[in-house]
Amino acid sequence: MSEKIRIESEQALQVGIAALTKAGVPDAGARMQMDLLLEAELRGRASHGLLRLPRVIERIRNGVANPVTEGTSRWRGDALLQVDGQQGLGPVVAWAALEKISVRAKTTGLAAAAISNNNHLGMLALYAERVAREGQVLIALTTSEALVHPWGGREAMIGTNPVAVGVPATPDPFVLDMATSLISMGQVHDYANRGQALQPGWALDAKGDPTIDAGAAKDGAIAPFGGAKGYALGLAFEILVGALTASALGRDVTGTLDSTKLCNKGDVFIVIEPESDAMTQSVTDYLNMLRSSVPAVAERPVVVPGDRALLQRDASLKGGVLIAPEVWQRIRDLADPAGNELGSSLLH
């Protein structure tokens, strides 16, 4: 791909919304989907950003993503919401479920949503951050297609199975968002698009041999983080989500990377009402204590998860987001096939 170009974030948002609404997504749903993709770009997570938008639209056009549904749900007891996503857009179904369990948790102390038949959620950090800003704790889990090789194995058999945690703090919540793989397959695709080599130990090729070729890694497997412990944690999350959502496991999972298959992975959100509002200040003080602790390298101060992403977000809001020109042109074409000047302004 060519060198990336800078696009003003509001311009990217409006062009993306236009592309989604042209595909049949209602305005509110289009904004939810674009919020997730744009936030990933703003925070330097291109693997979960705008390069995914054309695939979302392809899935709608191919009939494997429903552009209008929020899913259906029923309560299994007081605190567990069972959700059938009806193949809706990931964030649209997720936000509808989160609204229900966030309200319920205020009276039950804890409420969870077990979601099946939902499309890709996107970056989990935004869900964790927004719930935490409202004063509640969020734990989020989701599964994916088999992309990770088991510890000691040579073929993809487990999902990347990310986890996110959001806890109230000031001025910004504590937010952890990480996959149980060493990298995400979205990162592999991003590296391949840019012709950039992977780091040794990140991935295997289709034959099960180590590779730094991102193109070869797309057909192979990525490594679990932390060796055997990361493998065990990713496997535990996959089994847990599968059990709660009655969704597919391992190689039976489809629909998170292609444009033609129904998505059958699972999502779990757990919202918890904190014991005391005073804990927000305690968490804040503890995080600041960590940040002010003595660093191993003087030029690299200690940070906590989420700090760098928020700094990157501030910089991107001021200077624009970096997007591959081919990706940007594709999105513009989806928004306006006639080739008008929609979305033509760049930042230099």
Protein backbone atom coordinates (compact mmCIF):
# COMPACT_ATOMS: atom_id res chain seq x y z
CA MET A 1 0.00 0.00 0.00
CA SER A 2 0.98 3.63 -0.47
CA GLU A 3 2.11 5.91 2.35
CA LYS A 4 -0.76 6.80 4.67
CA ILE A 5 -2.55 10.12 4.44
CA ARG A 6 -4.05 12.24 7.23
CA ILE A 7 -7.82 12.69 7.33
CA GLU A 8 -9.66 14.99 9.71
CA SER A 9 -11.51 12.80 12.21
CA GLU A 10 -14.89 14.46 11.74
CA GLN A 11 -14.57 14.09 7.99
CA ALA A 12 -13.78 10.39 8.37
CA LEU A 13 -16.77 9.99 10.68
CA GLN A 14 -19.23 11.61 8.30
CA VAL A 15 -18.00 9.75 5.21
CA GLY A 16 -18.13 6.44 7.08
CA ILE A 17 -21.66 7.14 8.29
CA ALA A 18 -22.68 7.99 4.73
CA ALA A 19 -21.26 4.68 3.48
CA LEU A 20 -23.17 2.74 6.15
CA THR A 21 -26.47 4.52 5.62
CA LYS A 22 -26.17 3.90 1.88
CA ALA A 23 -25.88 0.20 2.79
CA GLY A 24 -29.16 0.38 4.72
CA VAL A 25 -27.97 1.07 8.27
CA PRO A 26 -30.17 3.56 10.20
CA ASP A 27 -28.47 6.79 11.25
CA ALA A 28 -28.14 5.81 14.92
CA GLY A 29 -26.67 2.41 14.10
CA ALA A 30 -24.30 3.90 11.54
CA ARG A 31 -22.95 6.30 14.15
CA MET A 32 -22.48 3.49 16.69
CA GLN A 33 -20.54 1.41 14.18
CA MET A 34 -18.41 4.33 13.06
CA ASP A 35 -17.73 5.48 16.62
CA LEU A 36 -16.05 2.13 17.29
CA LEU A 37 -14.02 2.13 14.09
CA LEU A 38 -12.97 5.77 14.38
CA GLU A 39 -12.04 5.48 18.04
CA ALA A 40 -9.71 2.63 17.11
CA GLU A 41 -8.05 4.86 14.51
CA LEU A 42 -7.79 7.78 16.94
CA ARG A 43 -6.09 5.56 19.51
CA GLY A 44 -3.60 4.06 17.05
CA ARG A 45 -5.42 0.72 16.66
CA ALA A 46 -5.62 0.66 12.85
CA SER A 47 -6.18 -3.10 12.96
CA HIS A 48 -9.64 -2.42 14.44
CA GLY A 49 -10.25 0.79 12.54
CA LEU A 50 -11.54 1.97 9.20
CA LEU A 51 -10.00 -0.85 7.19
CA ARG A 52 -12.80 -3.01 8.65
CA LEU A 53 -15.60 -0.79 7.31
CA PRO A 54 -15.69 -2.18 3.75
CA ARG A 55 -16.02 -5.70 5.16
CA VAL A 56 -18.91 -4.63 7.39
CA ILE A 57 -20.71 -3.30 4.32
CA GLU A 58 -19.85 -6.39 2.28
CA ARG A 59 -21.37 -8.55 5.00
CA ILE A 60 -24.57 -6.51 4.86
CA ARG A 61 -24.74 -6.80 1.08
CA ASN A 62 -24.11 -10.55 1.27
CA GLY A 63 -26.96 -11.03 3.70
CA VAL A 64 -24.85 -12.23 6.65
CA ALA A 65 -25.19 -9.02 8.66
CA ASN A 66 -28.54 -7.40 9.50
CA PRO A 67 -28.24 -3.61 9.25
CA VAL A 68 -31.32 -2.73 11.32
CA THR A 69 -31.77 -5.14 14.24
CA GLU A 70 -30.72 -4.58 17.85
CA GLY A 71 -31.30 -8.26 18.59
CA THR A 72 -33.82 -9.81 20.95
CA SER A 73 -33.32 -10.61 24.62
CA ARG A 74 -34.85 -12.33 27.62
CA TRP A 75 -33.90 -12.37 31.28
CA ARG A 76 -32.70 -15.70 32.67
CA GLY A 77 -33.30 -14.85 36.31
CA ASP A 78 -32.74 -11.42 37.80
CA ALA A 79 -29.23 -10.74 36.56
CA LEU A 80 -28.46 -12.69 33.36
CA LEU A 81 -29.71 -11.34 30.03
CA GLN A 82 -29.68 -13.83 27.16
CA VAL A 83 -29.35 -12.01 23.84
CA ASP A 84 -29.86 -13.28 20.29
CA GLY A 85 -28.07 -10.72 18.15
CA GLN A 86 -29.97 -11.82 15.01
CA GLN A 87 -26.77 -11.15 13.04
CA GLY A 88 -26.97 -7.43 13.80
CA LEU A 89 -24.01 -5.06 13.72
CA GLY A 90 -21.75 -5.81 16.67
CA PRO A 91 -21.80 -2.45 18.47
CA VAL A 92 -25.52 -1.90 17.84
CA VAL A 93 -26.46 -5.18 19.53
CA ALA A 94 -23.86 -4.69 22.25
CA TRP A 95 -24.97 -1.19 23.24
CA ALA A 96 -28.61 -2.28 23.41
CA ALA A 97 -27.64 -5.12 25.76
CA LEU A 98 -25.33 -2.93 27.84
CA GLU A 99 -28.08 -0.38 28.39
CA LYS A 100 -30.34 -3.08 29.82
CA ILE A 101 -27.79 -4.67 32.13
CA SER A 102 -26.38 -1.32 33.31
CA VAL A 103 -29.84 -0.33 34.53
CA ARG A 104 -30.44 -3.75 36.10
CA ALA A 105 -27.09 -3.72 37.92
CA LYS A 106 -28.15 -0.62 39.85
CA THR A 107 -30.66 -2.79 41.72
CA THR A 108 -29.06 -6.24 41.60
CA GLY A 109 -25.45 -5.12 42.13
CA LEU A 110 -24.32 -7.14 39.12
CA ALA A 111 -25.86 -8.00 35.76
CA ALA A 112 -24.48 -9.85 32.75
CA ALA A 113 -25.36 -10.20 29.08
CA ALA A 114 -24.59 -13.40 27.17
CA ILE A 115 -24.79 -12.59 23.45
CA SER A 116 -24.87 -15.00 20.52
CA ASN A 117 -25.30 -14.48 16.76
CA ASN A 118 -23.71 -11.04 16.83
CA ASN A 119 -21.17 -9.53 14.45
CA HIS A 120 -17.70 -8.24 15.35
CA LEU A 121 -17.70 -5.93 18.38
CA GLY A 122 -14.65 -3.92 17.39
CA MET A 123 -12.33 -2.43 20.01
CA LEU A 124 -13.53 -3.44 23.48
CA ALA A 125 -11.88 -0.46 25.19
CA LEU A 126 -14.64 1.94 24.20
CA TYR A 127 -17.34 -0.16 25.88
CA ALA A 128 -15.26 -0.41 29.06
CA GLU A 129 -14.49 3.31 29.07
CA ARG A 130 -18.06 4.49 28.57
CA VAL A 131 -19.53 2.19 31.22
CA ALA A 132 -16.81 3.22 33.68
CA ARG A 133 -17.45 6.91 32.99
CA GLU A 134 -21.01 6.28 34.15
CA GLY A 135 -19.69 4.98 37.47
CA GLN A 136 -19.91 1.23 36.91
CA VAL A 137 -17.35 -1.52 36.40
CA LEU A 138 -17.35 -3.51 33.16
CA ILE A 139 -15.76 -6.84 32.31
CA ALA A 140 -16.08 -7.74 28.62
CA LEU A 141 -15.13 -10.98 26.88
CA THR A 142 -15.52 -12.04 23.27
CA THR A 143 -14.30 -14.91 21.12
CA SER A 144 -13.07 -15.09 17.55
CA GLU A 145 -12.27 -17.50 14.79
CA ALA A 146 -9.44 -19.95 15.49
CA LEU A 147 -6.35 -17.81 14.91
CA VAL A 148 -4.01 -18.77 17.76
CA HIS A 149 -1.93 -21.93 18.02
CA PRO A 150 -1.97 -23.77 21.35
CA TRP A 151 1.22 -23.62 23.41
CA GLY A 152 3.54 -26.13 21.78
CA GLY A 153 1.28 -26.49 18.72
CA ARG A 154 1.66 -25.57 15.04
CA GLU A 155 -1.85 -24.77 13.85
CA ALA A 156 -4.58 -22.27 14.69
CA MET A 157 -7.14 -23.81 17.05
CA ILE A 158 -8.13 -21.06 19.53
CA GLY A 159 -9.53 -17.53 19.20
CA THR A 160 -7.67 -14.36 20.13
CA ASN A 161 -10.35 -14.06 22.83
CA PRO A 162 -9.79 -10.51 24.13
CA VAL A 163 -10.80 -9.17 27.53
CA ALA A 164 -11.54 -5.61 28.61
CA VAL A 165 -11.93 -4.15 32.09
CA GLY A 166 -13.19 -0.66 32.89
CA VAL A 167 -13.10 0.81 36.41
CA PRO A 168 -14.15 4.36 37.39
CA ALA A 169 -11.30 6.79 38.07
CA THR A 170 -10.64 10.50 37.46
CA PRO A 171 -10.19 12.24 35.14
CA ASP A 172 -10.25 9.09 32.99
CA PRO A 173 -11.29 5.55 33.92
CA PHE A 174 -8.87 2.69 34.18
CA VAL A 175 -9.27 0.68 30.95
CA LEU A 176 -7.56 -2.58 30.05
CA ASP A 177 -8.18 -3.98 26.57
CA MET A 178 -6.02 -6.88 25.47
CA ALA A 179 -6.19 -10.03 23.41
CA THR A 180 -4.93 -13.32 24.76
CA SER A 181 -2.85 -13.63 21.60
CA LEU A 182 0.54 -11.97 21.27
CA ILE A 183 -0.90 -9.76 18.51
CA SER A 184 -4.28 -9.58 16.78
CA MET A 185 -4.95 -10.92 13.29
CA GLY A 186 -6.09 -7.40 12.46
CA GLN A 187 -2.53 -6.27 13.19
CA VAL A 188 -1.20 -8.98 10.89
CA HIS A 189 -3.45 -7.69 8.10
CA ASP A 190 -2.38 -4.11 8.83
CA TYR A 191 1.31 -5.12 8.64
CA ALA A 192 0.65 -7.02 5.42
CA ASN A 193 -1.13 -4.02 3.89
CA ARG A 194 1.87 -1.84 4.69
CA GLY A 195 4.43 -4.42 3.59
CA GLN A 196 5.97 -4.45 7.06
CA ALA A 197 7.65 -7.49 8.62
CA LEU A 198 6.38 -9.04 11.82
CA GLN A 199 8.58 -9.53 14.87
CA PRO A 200 10.10 -13.01 15.36
CA GLY A 201 7.93 -15.24 17.51
CA TRP A 202 4.67 -13.52 16.63
CA ALA A 203 3.31 -15.97 14.07
CA LEU A 204 3.53 -19.21 12.12
CA ASP A 205 2.85 -19.75 8.42
CA ALA A 206 0.36 -22.24 6.94
CA LYS A 207 2.90 -25.07 7.36
CA GLY A 208 3.31 -24.30 11.06
CA ASP A 209 6.77 -22.81 10.67
CA PRO A 210 7.82 -19.50 12.28
CA THR A 211 7.53 -16.51 9.92
CA ILE A 212 7.98 -12.75 9.92
CA ASP A 213 6.12 -12.44 6.59
CA ALA A 214 2.74 -10.88 7.46
CA GLY A 215 1.23 -12.13 4.21
CA ALA A 216 2.19 -15.71 5.05
CA ALA A 217 0.98 -15.31 8.63
CA LYS A 218 -2.54 -14.48 7.41
CA ASP A 219 -2.90 -18.13 6.40
CA GLY A 220 -1.14 -19.49 9.48
CA ALA A 221 -1.43 -18.91 13.21
CA ILE A 222 -0.47 -16.28 15.76
CA ALA A 223 1.12 -17.00 19.12
CA PRO A 224 -0.57 -16.84 22.53
CA PHE A 225 0.84 -14.09 24.74
CA GLY A 226 2.90 -15.13 27.72
CA GLY A 227 3.54 -18.65 26.55
CA ALA A 228 1.65 -21.40 28.37
CA LYS A 229 -0.15 -18.98 30.72
CA GLY A 230 -1.57 -16.89 27.87
CA TYR A 231 -2.64 -20.06 26.09
CA ALA A 232 -4.43 -21.29 29.22
CA LEU A 233 -6.13 -17.94 29.81
CA GLY A 234 -7.34 -17.66 26.21
CA LEU A 235 -8.67 -21.20 26.31
CA ALA A 236 -10.47 -20.53 29.61
CA PHE A 237 -12.13 -17.42 28.18
CA GLU A 238 -13.24 -19.28 25.07
CA ILE A 239 -14.81 -22.10 27.05
CA LEU A 240 -16.44 -19.68 29.49
CA VAL A 241 -17.99 -17.53 26.75
CA GLY A 242 -19.06 -20.60 24.80
CA ALA A 243 -20.77 -22.10 27.84
CA LEU A 244 -22.66 -18.88 28.67
CA THR A 245 -23.72 -18.05 25.12
CA ALA A 246 -24.08 -21.53 23.57
CA SER A 247 -21.85 -20.29 20.74
CA ALA A 248 -19.30 -22.10 18.57
CA LEU A 249 -15.81 -23.01 19.75
CA GLY A 250 -12.40 -23.21 18.08
CA ARG A 251 -12.39 -24.03 14.39
CA ASP A 252 -16.19 -24.00 14.24
CA VAL A 253 -16.27 -20.21 14.76
CA THR A 254 -16.91 -18.22 11.55
CA GLY A 255 -17.81 -14.74 10.43
CA THR A 256 -15.27 -12.47 12.14
CA LEU A 257 -12.81 -12.27 9.24
CA ASP A 258 -14.81 -12.98 6.08
CA SER A 259 -17.70 -11.41 4.20
CA THR A 260 -19.80 -14.49 3.42
CA LYS A 261 -20.36 -16.60 6.56
CA LEU A 262 -22.75 -16.04 9.46
CA CYS A 263 -21.00 -14.95 12.65
CA ASN A 264 -21.38 -17.52 15.43
CA LYS A 265 -18.91 -16.42 18.13
CA GLY A 266 -20.04 -15.29 21.59
CA ASP A 267 -19.84 -12.08 23.65
CA VAL A 268 -20.19 -11.64 27.41
CA PHE A 269 -20.57 -8.33 29.26
CA ILE A 270 -20.63 -8.12 33.05
CA VAL A 271 -21.62 -4.79 34.65
CA ILE A 272 -20.97 -4.36 38.38
CA GLU A 273 -22.12 -1.58 40.68
CA PRO A 274 -19.16 -0.51 42.88
CA GLU A 275 -19.49 -0.97 46.63
CA SER A 276 -18.74 2.70 47.30
CA ASP A 277 -18.27 5.87 45.26
CA ALA A 278 -15.27 6.55 47.48
CA MET A 279 -13.41 3.78 45.64
CA THR A 280 -13.15 6.02 42.58
CA GLN A 281 -10.78 8.29 44.48
CA SER A 282 -8.88 5.33 45.92
CA VAL A 283 -8.39 3.86 42.45
CA THR A 284 -7.33 7.26 41.12
CA ASP A 285 -4.77 7.72 43.90
CA TYR A 286 -3.35 4.24 43.33
CA LEU A 287 -3.02 4.75 39.56
CA ASN A 288 -1.28 8.09 40.11
CA MET A 289 1.06 6.42 42.59
CA LEU A 290 2.02 3.92 39.90
CA ARG A 291 2.57 6.69 37.35
CA SER A 292 4.84 8.59 39.75
CA SER A 293 6.88 5.54 40.71
CA VAL A 294 10.56 5.34 39.77
CA PRO A 295 10.95 4.12 36.16
CA ALA A 296 13.56 1.59 35.07
CA VAL A 297 14.59 4.01 32.31
CA ALA A 298 14.46 7.69 33.23
CA GLU A 299 13.23 8.78 29.81
CA ARG A 300 10.30 6.35 29.93
CA PRO A 301 7.94 7.15 32.81
CA VAL A 302 5.70 4.44 34.21
CA VAL A 303 2.22 4.37 32.67
CA VAL A 304 -0.92 2.32 33.29
CA PRO A 305 -3.01 0.56 30.63
CA GLY A 306 -4.86 3.05 28.45
CA ASP A 307 -2.55 6.04 29.04
CA ARG A 308 -0.77 5.86 25.70
CA ALA A 309 -4.03 5.31 23.82
CA LEU A 310 -5.55 8.49 25.27
CA LEU A 311 -2.43 10.50 24.44
CA GLN A 312 -2.58 9.16 20.88
CA ARG A 313 -6.29 10.04 20.72
CA ASP A 314 -5.58 13.66 21.68
CA ALA A 315 -2.88 13.90 19.02
CA SER A 316 -5.14 12.35 16.37
CA LEU A 317 -8.00 14.72 17.15
CA LYS A 318 -5.64 17.64 16.57
CA GLY A 319 -3.69 16.29 13.62
CA GLY A 320 -6.07 13.85 11.94
CA VAL A 321 -5.98 10.07 11.59
CA LEU A 322 -3.53 8.24 9.36
CA ILE A 323 -5.31 6.07 6.78
CA ALA A 324 -3.98 4.15 3.80
CA PRO A 325 -5.12 6.03 0.67
CA GLU A 326 -6.53 2.84 -0.84
CA VAL A 327 -8.70 2.26 2.23
CA TRP A 328 -9.88 5.88 2.25
CA GLN A 329 -10.73 5.78 -1.45
CA ARG A 330 -12.69 2.56 -0.96
CA ILE A 331 -14.73 4.15 1.83
CA ARG A 332 -15.38 7.26 -0.25
CA ASP A 333 -16.55 5.08 -3.13
CA LEU A 334 -18.92 3.23 -0.80
CA ALA A 335 -20.30 6.54 0.47
CA ASP A 336 -20.69 8.06 -2.98
CA PRO A 337 -20.18 5.74 -5.98
CA ALA A 338 -20.69 8.73 -8.29
CA GLY A 339 -17.31 10.06 -7.20
CA ASN A 340 -18.37 13.49 -5.96
CA GLU A 341 -16.20 15.54 -3.63
CA LEU A 342 -17.57 13.91 -0.46
CA GLY A 343 -14.70 13.37 1.94
CA SER A 344 -12.06 14.93 -0.26
CA SER A 345 -10.45 17.23 2.30
CA LEU A 346 -7.10 16.07 3.70
CA LEU A 347 -4.81 17.39 6.39
CA HIS A 348 -1.25 17.98 5.30
